[in-house]
Each structure stands twice: as C-alpha cells, then as structure tokens.
PDB file of N, CA and C in Angstrom:
ATOM      1  N   MET A   1     152.555 127.362 138.734  1.00  0.00           N
ATOM      2  CA  MET A   1     151.276 128.011 138.558  1.00  0.00           C
ATOM      3  C   MET A   1     150.376 127.099 137.717  1.00  0.00           C
ATOM      4  N   LYS A   2     149.162 126.878 138.226  1.00  0.00           N
ATOM      5  CA  LYS A   2     148.220 125.993 137.540  1.00  0.00           C
ATOM      6  C   LYS A   2     147.546 126.695 136.361  1.00  0.00           C
ATOM      7  N   LYS A   3     147.077 125.875 135.429  1.00  0.00           N
ATOM      8  CA  LYS A   3     146.313 126.393 134.299  1.00  0.00           C
ATOM      9  C   LYS A   3     144.864 126.588 134.708  1.00  0.00           C
ATOM     10  N   LEU A   4     144.168 127.420 133.969  1.00  0.00           N
ATOM     11  CA  LEU A   4     142.730 127.587 134.148  1.00  0.00           C
ATOM     12  C   LEU A   4     142.016 126.758 133.098  1.00  0.00           C
ATOM     13  N   LYS A   5     140.950 126.105 133.512  1.00  0.00           N
ATOM     14  CA  LYS A   5     140.110 125.356 132.591  1.00  0.00           C
ATOM     15  C   LYS A   5     138.678 125.826 132.830  1.00  0.00           C
ATOM     16  N   TYR A   6     137.969 126.146 131.747  1.00  0.00           N
ATOM     17  CA  TYR A   6     136.626 126.694 131.854  1.00  0.00           C
ATOM     18  C   TYR A   6     135.585 125.681 131.400  1.00  0.00           C
ATOM     19  N   SER A   7     134.509 125.555 132.176  1.00  0.00           N
ATOM     20  CA  SER A   7     133.421 124.656 131.798  1.00  0.00           C
ATOM     21  C   SER A   7     132.659 125.256 130.614  1.00  0.00           C
ATOM     22  N   PRO A   8     131.979 124.418 129.842  1.00  0.00           N
ATOM     23  CA  PRO A   8     131.141 124.937 128.758  1.00  0.00           C
ATOM     24  C   PRO A   8     130.055 125.880 129.284  1.00  0.00           C
ATOM     25  N   ASP A   9     129.516 125.594 130.463  1.00  0.00           N
ATOM     26  CA  ASP A   9     128.489 126.466 131.054  1.00  0.00           C
ATOM     27  C   ASP A   9     129.046 127.863 131.318  1.00  0.00           C
ATOM     28  N   TYR A  10     130.238 127.923 131.881  1.00  0.00           N
ATOM     29  CA  TYR A  10     130.866 129.217 132.162  1.00  0.00           C
ATOM     30  C   TYR A  10     131.095 129.982 130.865  1.00  0.00           C
ATOM     31  N   THR A  11     131.629 129.301 129.870  1.00  0.00           N
ATOM     32  CA  THR A  11     131.921 129.936 128.586  1.00  0.00           C
ATOM     33  C   THR A  11     130.651 130.507 127.958  1.00  0.00           C
ATOM     34  N   GLU A  12     129.579 129.739 127.994  1.00  0.00           N
ATOM     35  CA  GLU A  12     128.306 130.193 127.426  1.00  0.00           C
ATOM     36  C   GLU A  12     127.746 131.381 128.203  1.00  0.00           C
ATOM     37  N   LYS A  13     127.810 131.316 129.528  1.00  0.00           N
ATOM     38  CA  LYS A  13     127.291 132.417 130.340  1.00  0.00           C
ATOM     39  C   LYS A  13     128.102 133.698 130.116  1.00  0.00           C
ATOM     40  N   MET A  14     129.396 133.571 129.889  1.00  0.00           N
ATOM     41  CA  MET A  14     130.206 134.761 129.609  1.00  0.00           C
ATOM     42  C   MET A  14     129.808 135.369 128.261  1.00  0.00           C
ATOM     43  N   ARG A  15     129.528 134.521 127.268  1.00  0.00           N
ATOM     44  CA  ARG A  15     129.052 135.029 125.979  1.00  0.00           C
ATOM     45  C   ARG A  15     127.739 135.790 126.154  1.00  0.00           C
ATOM     46  N   GLU A  16     126.828 135.218 126.926  1.00  0.00           N
ATOM     47  CA  GLU A  16     125.541 135.862 127.183  1.00  0.00           C
ATOM     48  C   GLU A  16     125.728 137.181 127.930  1.00  0.00           C
ATOM     49  N   LEU A  17     126.621 137.178 128.905  1.00  0.00           N
ATOM     50  CA  LEU A  17     126.893 138.385 129.673  1.00  0.00           C
ATOM     51  C   LEU A  17     127.435 139.495 128.775  1.00  0.00           C
ATOM     52  N   LYS A  18     128.346 139.152 127.881  1.00  0.00           N
ATOM     53  CA  LYS A  18     128.898 140.149 126.961  1.00  0.00           C
ATOM     54  C   LYS A  18     127.803 140.759 126.096  1.00  0.00           C
ATOM     55  N   LYS A  19     126.933 139.924 125.553  1.00  0.00           N
ATOM     56  CA  LYS A  19     125.830 140.426 124.718  1.00  0.00           C
ATOM     57  C   LYS A  19     124.907 141.338 125.530  1.00  0.00           C
ATOM     58  N   TYR A  20     124.566 140.901 126.728  1.00  0.00           N
ATOM     59  CA  TYR A  20     123.689 141.683 127.589  1.00  0.00           C
ATOM     60  C   TYR A  20     124.308 143.043 127.905  1.00  0.00           C
ATOM     61  N   LEU A  21     125.569 143.046 128.296  1.00  0.00           N
ATOM     62  CA  LEU A  21     126.235 144.295 128.652  1.00  0.00           C
ATOM     63  C   LEU A  21     126.336 145.236 127.453  1.00  0.00           C
ATOM     64  N   ASP A  22     126.654 144.694 126.293  1.00  0.00           N
ATOM     65  CA  ASP A  22     126.692 145.511 125.077  1.00  0.00           C
ATOM     66  C   ASP A  22     125.340 146.160 124.814  1.00  0.00           C
ATOM     67  N   PHE A  23     124.295 145.379 124.906  1.00  0.00           N
ATOM     68  CA  PHE A  23     122.944 145.863 124.631  1.00  0.00           C
ATOM     69  C   PHE A  23     122.485 146.886 125.669  1.00  0.00           C
ATOM     70  N   GLN A  24     122.694 146.585 126.948  1.00  0.00           N
ATOM     71  CA  GLN A  24     122.213 147.445 128.036  1.00  0.00           C
ATOM     72  C   GLN A  24     123.057 148.697 128.243  1.00  0.00           C
ATOM     73  N   TYR A  25     124.385 148.543 128.181  1.00  0.00           N
ATOM     74  CA  TYR A  25     125.265 149.618 128.621  1.00  0.00           C
ATOM     75  C   TYR A  25     126.298 150.079 127.597  1.00  0.00           C
ATOM     76  N   GLY A  26     126.506 149.315 126.549  1.00  0.00           N
ATOM     77  CA  GLY A  26     127.468 149.709 125.533  1.00  0.00           C
ATOM     78  C   GLY A  26     128.816 149.028 125.680  1.00  0.00           C
ATOM     79  N   GLU A  27     129.619 149.220 124.652  1.00  0.00           N
ATOM     80  CA  GLU A  27     130.914 148.542 124.540  1.00  0.00           C
ATOM     81  C   GLU A  27     131.893 148.902 125.658  1.00  0.00           C
ATOM     82  N   ASN A  28     131.945 150.174 126.040  1.00  0.00           N
ATOM     83  CA  ASN A  28     132.917 150.593 127.061  1.00  0.00           C
ATOM     84  C   ASN A  28     132.658 149.922 128.407  1.00  0.00           C
ATOM     85  N   VAL A  29     131.402 149.872 128.817  1.00  0.00           N
ATOM     86  CA  VAL A  29     131.056 149.228 130.079  1.00  0.00           C
ATOM     87  C   VAL A  29     131.319 147.730 129.990  1.00  0.00           C
ATOM     88  N   ARG A  30     130.926 147.112 128.860  1.00  0.00           N
ATOM     89  CA  ARG A  30     131.178 145.684 128.677  1.00  0.00           C
ATOM     90  C   ARG A  30     132.664 145.375 128.822  1.00  0.00           C
ATOM     91  N   LYS A  31     133.506 146.126 128.152  1.00  0.00           N
ATOM     92  CA  LYS A  31     134.953 145.883 128.222  1.00  0.00           C
ATOM     93  C   LYS A  31     135.475 145.997 129.648  1.00  0.00           C
ATOM     94  N   LYS A  32     134.998 146.999 130.375  1.00  0.00           N
ATOM     95  CA  LYS A  32     135.462 147.211 131.751  1.00  0.00           C
ATOM     96  C   LYS A  32     135.070 146.030 132.646  1.00  0.00           C
ATOM     97  N   ILE A  33     133.822 145.612 132.562  1.00  0.00           N
ATOM     98  CA  ILE A  33     133.343 144.532 133.430  1.00  0.00           C
ATOM     99  C   ILE A  33     133.974 143.199 133.064  1.00  0.00           C
ATOM    100  N   ILE A  34     134.055 142.892 131.781  1.00  0.00           N
ATOM    101  CA  ILE A  34     134.653 141.631 131.343  1.00  0.00           C
ATOM    102  C   ILE A  34     136.131 141.596 131.715  1.00  0.00           C
ATOM    103  N   LYS A  35     136.805 142.724 131.601  1.00  0.00           N
ATOM    104  CA  LYS A  35     138.212 142.796 131.999  1.00  0.00           C
ATOM    105  C   LYS A  35     138.367 142.546 133.498  1.00  0.00           C
ATOM    106  N   GLU A  36     137.477 143.123 134.294  1.00  0.00           N
ATOM    107  CA  GLU A  36     137.522 142.939 135.747  1.00  0.00           C
ATOM    108  C   GLU A  36     137.305 141.468 136.123  1.00  0.00           C
ATOM    109  N   ILE A  37     136.305 140.841 135.502  1.00  0.00           N
ATOM    110  CA  ILE A  37     136.037 139.422 135.779  1.00  0.00           C
ATOM    111  C   ILE A  37     137.216 138.577 135.340  1.00  0.00           C
ATOM    112  N   GLY A  38     137.697 138.796 134.123  1.00  0.00           N
ATOM    113  CA  GLY A  38     138.824 138.022 133.598  1.00  0.00           C
ATOM    114  C   GLY A  38     140.072 138.147 134.448  1.00  0.00           C
ATOM    115  N   SER A  39     140.366 139.347 134.875  1.00  0.00           N
ATOM    116  CA  SER A  39     141.544 139.585 135.705  1.00  0.00           C
ATOM    117  C   SER A  39     141.435 138.852 137.038  1.00  0.00           C
ATOM    118  N   ARG A  40     140.265 138.928 137.636  1.00  0.00           N
ATOM    119  CA  ARG A  40     140.066 138.267 138.937  1.00  0.00           C
ATOM    120  C   ARG A  40     140.144 136.750 138.803  1.00  0.00           C
ATOM    121  N   VAL A  41     139.548 136.202 137.732  1.00  0.00           N
ATOM    122  CA  VAL A  41     139.600 134.754 137.515  1.00  0.00           C
ATOM    123  C   VAL A  41     141.038 134.320 137.241  1.00  0.00           C
ATOM    124  N   ARG A  42     141.766 135.067 136.426  1.00  0.00           N
ATOM    125  CA  ARG A  42     143.169 134.717 136.147  1.00  0.00           C
ATOM    126  C   ARG A  42     144.028 134.764 137.409  1.00  0.00           C
ATOM    127  N   SER A  43     143.672 135.635 138.346  1.00  0.00           N
ATOM    128  CA  SER A  43     144.444 135.728 139.592  1.00  0.00           C
ATOM    129  C   SER A  43     144.333 134.450 140.429  1.00  0.00           C
ATOM    130  N   LEU A  44     143.329 133.619 140.148  1.00  0.00           N
ATOM    131  CA  LEU A  44     143.194 132.347 140.868  1.00  0.00           C
ATOM    132  C   LEU A  44     144.380 131.426 140.632  1.00  0.00           C
ATOM    133  N   ARG A  45     145.076 131.601 139.524  1.00  0.00           N
ATOM    134  CA  ARG A  45     146.250 130.760 139.249  1.00  0.00           C
ATOM    135  C   ARG A  45     147.317 130.941 140.323  1.00  0.00           C
ATOM    136  N   GLU A  46     147.421 132.136 140.847  1.00  0.00           N
ATOM    137  CA  GLU A  46     148.427 132.405 141.872  1.00  0.00           C
ATOM    138  C   GLU A  46     147.859 132.317 143.290  1.00  0.00           C
ATOM    139  N   TYR A  47     146.596 132.666 143.429  1.00  0.00           N
ATOM    140  CA  TYR A  47     145.959 132.709 144.752  1.00  0.00           C
ATOM    141  C   TYR A  47     144.707 131.840 144.731  1.00  0.00           C
ATOM    142  N   GLU A  48     144.880 130.544 144.550  1.00  0.00           N
ATOM    143  CA  GLU A  48     143.747 129.640 144.351  1.00  0.00           C
ATOM    144  C   GLU A  48     142.829 129.524 145.558  1.00  0.00           C
ATOM    145  N   GLN A  49     143.323 129.767 146.736  1.00  0.00           N
ATOM    146  CA  GLN A  49     142.517 129.628 147.955  1.00  0.00           C
ATOM    147  C   GLN A  49     141.790 130.910 148.353  1.00  0.00           C
ATOM    148  N   VAL A  50     141.808 131.919 147.512  1.00  0.00           N
ATOM    149  CA  VAL A  50     141.218 133.212 147.856  1.00  0.00           C
ATOM    150  C   VAL A  50     139.702 133.148 147.988  1.00  0.00           C
ATOM    151  N   GLY A  51     139.056 132.211 147.337  1.00  0.00           N
ATOM    152  CA  GLY A  51     137.596 132.128 147.350  1.00  0.00           C
ATOM    153  C   GLY A  51     137.022 131.627 148.662  1.00  0.00           C
ATOM    154  N   ILE A  52     135.734 131.826 148.791  1.00  0.00           N
ATOM    155  CA  ILE A  52     134.985 131.345 149.950  1.00  0.00           C
ATOM    156  C   ILE A  52     134.647 129.880 149.722  1.00  0.00           C
ATOM    157  N   ASN A  53     134.880 129.049 150.708  1.00  0.00           N
ATOM    158  CA  ASN A  53     134.538 127.635 150.613  1.00  0.00           C
ATOM    159  C   ASN A  53     133.017 127.503 150.689  1.00  0.00           C
ATOM    160  N   VAL A  54     132.410 127.011 149.608  1.00  0.00           N
ATOM    161  CA  VAL A  54     130.952 126.923 149.525  1.00  0.00           C
ATOM    162  C   VAL A  54     130.398 125.974 150.587  1.00  0.00           C
ATOM    163  N   HIS A  55     131.124 124.911 150.881  1.00  0.00           N
ATOM    164  CA  HIS A  55     130.682 123.972 151.916  1.00  0.00           C
ATOM    165  C   HIS A  55     130.592 124.662 153.272  1.00  0.00           C
ATOM    166  N   ASP A  56     131.616 125.421 153.624  1.00  0.00           N
ATOM    167  CA  ASP A  56     131.622 126.120 154.910  1.00  0.00           C
ATOM    168  C   ASP A  56     130.567 127.219 154.974  1.00  0.00           C
ATOM    169  N   MET A  57     130.367 127.908 153.873  1.00  0.00           N
ATOM    170  CA  MET A  57     129.451 129.042 153.848  1.00  0.00           C
ATOM    171  C   MET A  57     127.988 128.617 153.833  1.00  0.00           C
ATOM    172  N   TYR A  58     127.666 127.610 153.010  1.00  0.00           N
ATOM    173  CA  TYR A  58     126.267 127.244 152.809  1.00  0.00           C
ATOM    174  C   TYR A  58     125.916 125.839 153.292  1.00  0.00           C
ATOM    175  N   GLY A  59     126.895 125.075 153.761  1.00  0.00           N
ATOM    176  CA  GLY A  59     126.634 123.729 154.240  1.00  0.00           C
ATOM    177  C   GLY A  59     126.302 122.740 153.143  1.00  0.00           C
ATOM    178  N   VAL A  60     126.733 123.029 151.929  1.00  0.00           N
ATOM    179  CA  VAL A  60     126.468 122.174 150.774  1.00  0.00           C
ATOM    180  C   VAL A  60     127.643 121.225 150.582  1.00  0.00           C
ATOM    181  N   ASP A  61     127.342 119.966 150.274  1.00  0.00           N
ATOM    182  CA  ASP A  61     128.394 118.975 150.060  1.00  0.00           C
ATOM    183  C   ASP A  61     129.051 119.187 148.698  1.00  0.00           C
ATOM    184  N   THR A  62     130.065 120.042 148.666  1.00  0.00           N
ATOM    185  CA  THR A  62     130.773 120.364 147.430  1.00  0.00           C
ATOM    186  C   THR A  62     132.198 120.788 147.748  1.00  0.00           C
ATOM    187  N   ASP A  63     133.047 120.690 146.744  1.00  0.00           N
ATOM    188  CA  ASP A  63     134.426 121.144 146.897  1.00  0.00           C
ATOM    189  C   ASP A  63     134.645 122.480 146.176  1.00  0.00           C
ATOM    190  N   CYS A  64     133.571 123.136 145.781  1.00  0.00           N
ATOM    191  CA  CYS A  64     133.665 124.418 145.076  1.00  0.00           C
ATOM    192  C   CYS A  64     134.044 125.553 146.018  1.00  0.00           C
ATOM    193  N   LEU A  65     134.702 126.523 145.434  1.00  0.00           N
ATOM    194  CA  LEU A  65     134.962 127.791 146.097  1.00  0.00           C
ATOM    195  C   LEU A  65     134.291 128.866 145.258  1.00  0.00           C
ATOM    196  N   CYS A  66     134.135 130.046 145.820  1.00  0.00           N
ATOM    197  CA  CYS A  66     133.400 131.104 145.150  1.00  0.00           C
ATOM    198  C   CYS A  66     134.097 132.441 145.372  1.00  0.00           C
ATOM    199  N   ILE A  67     134.158 133.231 144.310  1.00  0.00           N
ATOM    200  CA  ILE A  67     134.613 134.614 144.431  1.00  0.00           C
ATOM    201  C   ILE A  67     133.493 135.514 143.914  1.00  0.00           C
ATOM    202  N   PHE A  68     133.423 136.717 144.430  1.00  0.00           N
ATOM    203  CA  PHE A  68     132.424 137.682 144.000  1.00  0.00           C
ATOM    204  C   PHE A  68     133.142 138.797 143.271  1.00  0.00           C
ATOM    205  N   VAL A  69     132.734 139.037 142.029  1.00  0.00           N
ATOM    206  CA  VAL A  69     133.382 140.076 141.235  1.00  0.00           C
ATOM    207  C   VAL A  69     132.368 140.709 140.293  1.00  0.00           C
ATOM    208  N   ALA A  70     132.319 142.016 140.269  1.00  0.00           N
ATOM    209  CA  ALA A  70     131.456 142.787 139.368  1.00  0.00           C
ATOM    210  C   ALA A  70     130.009 142.293 139.417  1.00  0.00           C
ATOM    211  N   LYS A  71     129.479 142.144 140.622  1.00  0.00           N
ATOM    212  CA  LYS A  71     128.101 141.699 140.864  1.00  0.00           C
ATOM    213  C   LYS A  71     127.823 140.285 140.362  1.00  0.00           C
ATOM    214  N   ASN A  72     128.862 139.466 140.297  1.00  0.00           N
ATOM    215  CA  ASN A  72     128.731 138.086 139.847  1.00  0.00           C
ATOM    216  C   ASN A  72     129.482 137.148 140.780  1.00  0.00           C
ATOM    217  N   TYR A  73     128.902 135.971 140.973  1.00  0.00           N
ATOM    218  CA  TYR A  73     129.560 134.907 141.728  1.00  0.00           C
ATOM    219  C   TYR A  73     130.218 133.965 140.735  1.00  0.00           C
ATOM    220  N   VAL A  74     131.505 133.722 140.911  1.00  0.00           N
ATOM    221  CA  VAL A  74     132.235 132.788 140.062  1.00  0.00           C
ATOM    222  C   VAL A  74     132.588 131.572 140.927  1.00  0.00           C
ATOM    223  N   PHE A  75     132.122 130.401 140.499  1.00  0.00           N
ATOM    224  CA  PHE A  75     132.376 129.163 141.229  1.00  0.00           C
ATOM    225  C   PHE A  75     133.489 128.394 140.539  1.00  0.00           C
ATOM    226  N   TYR A  76     134.403 127.848 141.351  1.00  0.00           N
ATOM    227  CA  TYR A  76     135.527 127.099 140.800  1.00  0.00           C
ATOM    228  C   TYR A  76     135.943 125.994 141.750  1.00  0.00           C
ATOM    229  N   ARG A  77     136.687 125.043 141.184  1.00  0.00           N
ATOM    230  CA  ARG A  77     137.252 123.940 141.971  1.00  0.00           C
ATOM    231  C   ARG A  77     138.759 123.918 141.752  1.00  0.00           C
ATOM    232  N   ILE A  78     139.459 123.550 142.796  1.00  0.00           N
ATOM    233  CA  ILE A  78     140.904 123.365 142.688  1.00  0.00           C
ATOM    234  C   ILE A  78     141.146 121.891 142.410  1.00  0.00           C
ATOM    235  N   GLU A  79     141.699 121.613 141.252  1.00  0.00           N
ATOM    236  CA  GLU A  79     142.001 120.237 140.864  1.00  0.00           C
ATOM    237  C   GLU A  79     143.515 120.059 140.874  1.00  0.00           C
ATOM    238  N   PRO A  80     143.987 118.812 140.840  1.00  0.00           N
ATOM    239  CA  PRO A  80     145.437 118.594 140.930  1.00  0.00           C
ATOM    240  C   PRO A  80     146.252 119.321 139.850  1.00  0.00           C
ATOM    241  N   ASN A  81     145.712 119.408 138.636  1.00  0.00           N
ATOM    242  CA  ASN A  81     146.480 119.995 137.536  1.00  0.00           C
ATOM    243  C   ASN A  81     145.967 121.335 137.052  1.00  0.00           C
ATOM    244  N   CYS A  82     144.844 121.793 137.592  1.00  0.00           N
ATOM    245  CA  CYS A  82     144.270 123.039 137.088  1.00  0.00           C
ATOM    246  C   CYS A  82     143.288 123.644 138.086  1.00  0.00           C
ATOM    247  N   ILE A  83     142.869 124.848 137.768  1.00  0.00           N
ATOM    248  CA  ILE A  83     141.753 125.493 138.444  1.00  0.00           C
ATOM    249  C   ILE A  83     140.596 125.392 137.455  1.00  0.00           C
ATOM    250  N   TYR A  84     139.529 124.693 137.840  1.00  0.00           N
ATOM    251  CA  TYR A  84     138.393 124.470 136.955  1.00  0.00           C
ATOM    252  C   TYR A  84     137.290 125.463 137.309  1.00  0.00           C
ATOM    253  N   VAL A  85     137.010 126.382 136.388  1.00  0.00           N
ATOM    254  CA  VAL A  85     135.983 127.388 136.599  1.00  0.00           C
ATOM    255  C   VAL A  85     134.646 126.775 136.200  1.00  0.00           C
ATOM    256  N   VAL A  86     133.787 126.573 137.185  1.00  0.00           N
ATOM    257  CA  VAL A  86     132.541 125.829 137.002  1.00  0.00           C
ATOM    258  C   VAL A  86     131.474 126.677 136.336  1.00  0.00           C
ATOM    259  N   ASN A  87     131.198 127.870 136.896  1.00  0.00           N
ATOM    260  CA  ASN A  87     130.142 128.702 136.333  1.00  0.00           C
ATOM    261  C   ASN A  87     130.198 130.093 136.926  1.00  0.00           C
ATOM    262  N   ILE A  88     129.407 130.979 136.334  1.00  0.00           N
ATOM    263  CA  ILE A  88     129.281 132.347 136.818  1.00  0.00           C
ATOM    264  C   ILE A  88     127.790 132.663 136.905  1.00  0.00           C
ATOM    265  N   TYR A  89     127.407 133.346 137.995  1.00  0.00           N
ATOM    266  CA  TYR A  89     126.015 133.710 138.214  1.00  0.00           C
ATOM    267  C   TYR A  89     125.936 135.159 138.648  1.00  0.00           C
ATOM    268  N   ASN A  90     125.021 135.888 138.060  1.00  0.00           N
ATOM    269  CA  ASN A  90     124.758 137.243 138.492  1.00  0.00           C
ATOM    270  C   ASN A  90     124.171 137.183 139.897  1.00  0.00           C
ATOM    271  N   GLU A  91     124.367 138.214 140.668  1.00  0.00           N
ATOM    272  CA  GLU A  91     123.883 138.229 142.044  1.00  0.00           C
ATOM    273  C   GLU A  91     122.364 138.084 142.140  1.00  0.00           C
ATOM    274  N   ARG A  92     121.642 138.329 141.062  1.00  0.00           N
ATOM    275  CA  ARG A  92     120.180 138.189 141.076  1.00  0.00           C
ATOM    276  C   ARG A  92     119.723 136.768 140.740  1.00  0.00           C
ATOM    277  N   GLU A  93     120.638 135.918 140.280  1.00  0.00           N
ATOM    278  CA  GLU A  93     120.270 134.554 139.911  1.00  0.00           C
ATOM    279  C   GLU A  93     120.270 133.633 141.132  1.00  0.00           C
ATOM    280  N   ASP A  94     119.480 132.588 141.051  1.00  0.00           N
ATOM    281  CA  ASP A  94     119.392 131.603 142.129  1.00  0.00           C
ATOM    282  C   ASP A  94     120.404 130.483 141.866  1.00  0.00           C
ATOM    283  N   PHE A  95     121.656 130.733 142.192  1.00  0.00           N
ATOM    284  CA  PHE A  95     122.707 129.754 141.934  1.00  0.00           C
ATOM    285  C   PHE A  95     122.563 128.515 142.803  1.00  0.00           C
ATOM    286  N   MET A  96     121.971 128.662 143.979  1.00  0.00           N
ATOM    287  CA  MET A  96     121.799 127.502 144.859  1.00  0.00           C
ATOM    288  C   MET A  96     120.898 126.455 144.210  1.00  0.00           C
ATOM    289  N   MET A  97     119.853 126.894 143.538  1.00  0.00           N
ATOM    290  CA  MET A  97     118.954 125.960 142.866  1.00  0.00           C
ATOM    291  C   MET A  97     119.625 125.358 141.640  1.00  0.00           C
ATOM    292  N   ASP A  98     120.276 126.189 140.863  1.00  0.00           N
ATOM    293  CA  ASP A  98     120.895 125.720 139.621  1.00  0.00           C
ATOM    294  C   ASP A  98     122.068 124.779 139.871  1.00  0.00           C
ATOM    295  N   LEU A  99     122.946 125.137 140.782  1.00  0.00           N
ATOM    296  CA  LEU A  99     124.141 124.320 141.038  1.00  0.00           C
ATOM    297  C   LEU A  99     123.879 123.114 141.941  1.00  0.00           C
ATOM    298  N   PHE A 100     123.057 123.322 142.973  1.00  0.00           N
ATOM    299  CA  PHE A 100     122.934 122.302 144.006  1.00  0.00           C
ATOM    300  C   PHE A 100     121.522 121.765 144.199  1.00  0.00           C
ATOM    301  N   GLY A 101     120.549 122.306 143.474  1.00  0.00           N
ATOM    302  CA  GLY A 101     119.172 121.847 143.599  1.00  0.00           C
ATOM    303  C   GLY A 101     118.516 122.233 144.912  1.00  0.00           C
ATOM    304  N   ILE A 102     119.010 123.300 145.534  1.00  0.00           N
ATOM    305  CA  ILE A 102     118.471 123.748 146.816  1.00  0.00           C
ATOM    306  C   ILE A 102     117.563 124.947 146.575  1.00  0.00           C
ATOM    307  N   LYS A 103     116.327 124.800 146.997  1.00  0.00           N
ATOM    308  CA  LYS A 103     115.333 125.853 146.825  1.00  0.00           C
ATOM    309  C   LYS A 103     115.529 126.910 147.906  1.00  0.00           C
ATOM    310  N   THR A 104     115.713 128.161 147.492  1.00  0.00           N
ATOM    311  CA  THR A 104     115.954 129.235 148.456  1.00  0.00           C
ATOM    312  C   THR A 104     114.781 130.198 148.563  1.00  0.00           C
ATOM    313  N   ALA A 105     113.857 130.157 147.611  1.00  0.00           N
ATOM    314  CA  ALA A 105     112.705 131.069 147.639  1.00  0.00           C
ATOM    315  C   ALA A 105     111.557 130.429 148.409  1.00  0.00           C
ATOM    316  N   SER A 106     110.880 131.234 149.189  1.00  0.00           N
ATOM    317  CA  SER A 106     109.730 130.726 149.940  1.00  0.00           C
ATOM    318  C   SER A 106     108.523 130.591 149.023  1.00  0.00           C
ATOM    319  N   GLN A 107     107.526 129.869 149.457  1.00  0.00           N
ATOM    320  CA  GLN A 107     106.292 129.695 148.698  1.00  0.00           C
ATOM    321  C   GLN A 107     105.626 131.052 148.442  1.00  0.00           C
ATOM    322  N   GLU A 108     105.655 131.937 149.440  1.00  0.00           N
ATOM    323  CA  GLU A 108     105.046 133.258 149.287  1.00  0.00           C
ATOM    324  C   GLU A 108     105.754 134.070 148.212  1.00  0.00           C
ATOM    325  N   THR A 109     107.063 133.981 148.179  1.00  0.00           N
ATOM    326  CA  THR A 109     107.832 134.703 147.168  1.00  0.00           C
ATOM    327  C   THR A 109     107.495 134.191 145.781  1.00  0.00           C
ATOM    328  N   GLU A 110     107.433 132.877 145.629  1.00  0.00           N
ATOM    329  CA  GLU A 110     107.104 132.301 144.326  1.00  0.00           C
ATOM    330  C   GLU A 110     105.706 132.711 143.882  1.00  0.00           C
ATOM    331  N   TYR A 111     104.761 132.713 144.808  1.00  0.00           N
ATOM    332  CA  TYR A 111     103.400 133.112 144.484  1.00  0.00           C
ATOM    333  C   TYR A 111     103.372 134.578 144.049  1.00  0.00           C
ATOM    334  N   TYR A 112     104.059 135.433 144.794  1.00  0.00           N
ATOM    335  CA  TYR A 112     104.078 136.855 144.503  1.00  0.00           C
ATOM    336  C   TYR A 112     104.648 137.136 143.117  1.00  0.00           C
ATOM    337  N   TRP A 113     105.760 136.500 142.790  1.00  0.00           N
ATOM    338  CA  TRP A 113     106.431 136.741 141.514  1.00  0.00           C
ATOM    339  C   TRP A 113     105.901 135.845 140.395  1.00  0.00           C
ATOM    340  N   GLY A 114     105.006 134.928 140.717  1.00  0.00           N
ATOM    341  CA  GLY A 114     104.436 134.078 139.678  1.00  0.00           C
ATOM    342  C   GLY A 114     105.401 133.046 139.140  1.00  0.00           C
ATOM    343  N   GLU A 115     106.307 132.605 139.965  1.00  0.00           N
ATOM    344  CA  GLU A 115     107.309 131.625 139.528  1.00  0.00           C
ATOM    345  C   GLU A 115     106.872 130.227 139.879  1.00  0.00           C
TER     346      GLU A 115
END
C-alpha cells in the first residue's frame, strides 16, 4: 500500500475549507465533510485507479486523476512510491484555469459577472 503525500496547495485549501465550513455551517457539519473527504482520499492508497483520468475526460496533457467528494474535486497523481494529492477545488471553482490555464468561461459570462 502506497503512502499519501499532500501538496502545500492542497493542505492550505483544506485549512481554508475547514474555516469556511465552521463559519458557514458550524463544527458538526465541518467534521462530517472533512471526515468524508479524508476517508475518500485515504481510500486511494488501496484503490489508486478509482479516479477519472483527467486527460481522457478533458483532453488535457496531464497524468492527474480526479475524484469527486462532498461537492469538491480532488486531483491526484500516482507516483512510483506514493499517491500525490495535488489540490482540491470546490465544484464552483474554475479548476481548469487554475490547474491547466484553460479558460472555460465565455466572454459574455465574464462580462455579466464582471470578471
């Protein structure tokens, strides 16, 4: 069974997520969601191929895989000695732009939202 290794970006985003959940919904909800994410990520040690291949799904030149858990996308890579958890994105975030530099919003959408 491989070890899990977490990127600094993932670690920081999890800290932010915990604070947000505490503020918005309280400790009980935060514990439930963080436990669900943690459990699913830890399960990658045994079932590393369970994620969706990002290259096959989106046509992006990457070796990342993705799992969806608790309204969040968790991106990871399978390395020879570990499972490297790259980052986590809420379903409302534009992970394609952040991870791969691919713009997914149309000009009209950006104009409408003032982005």
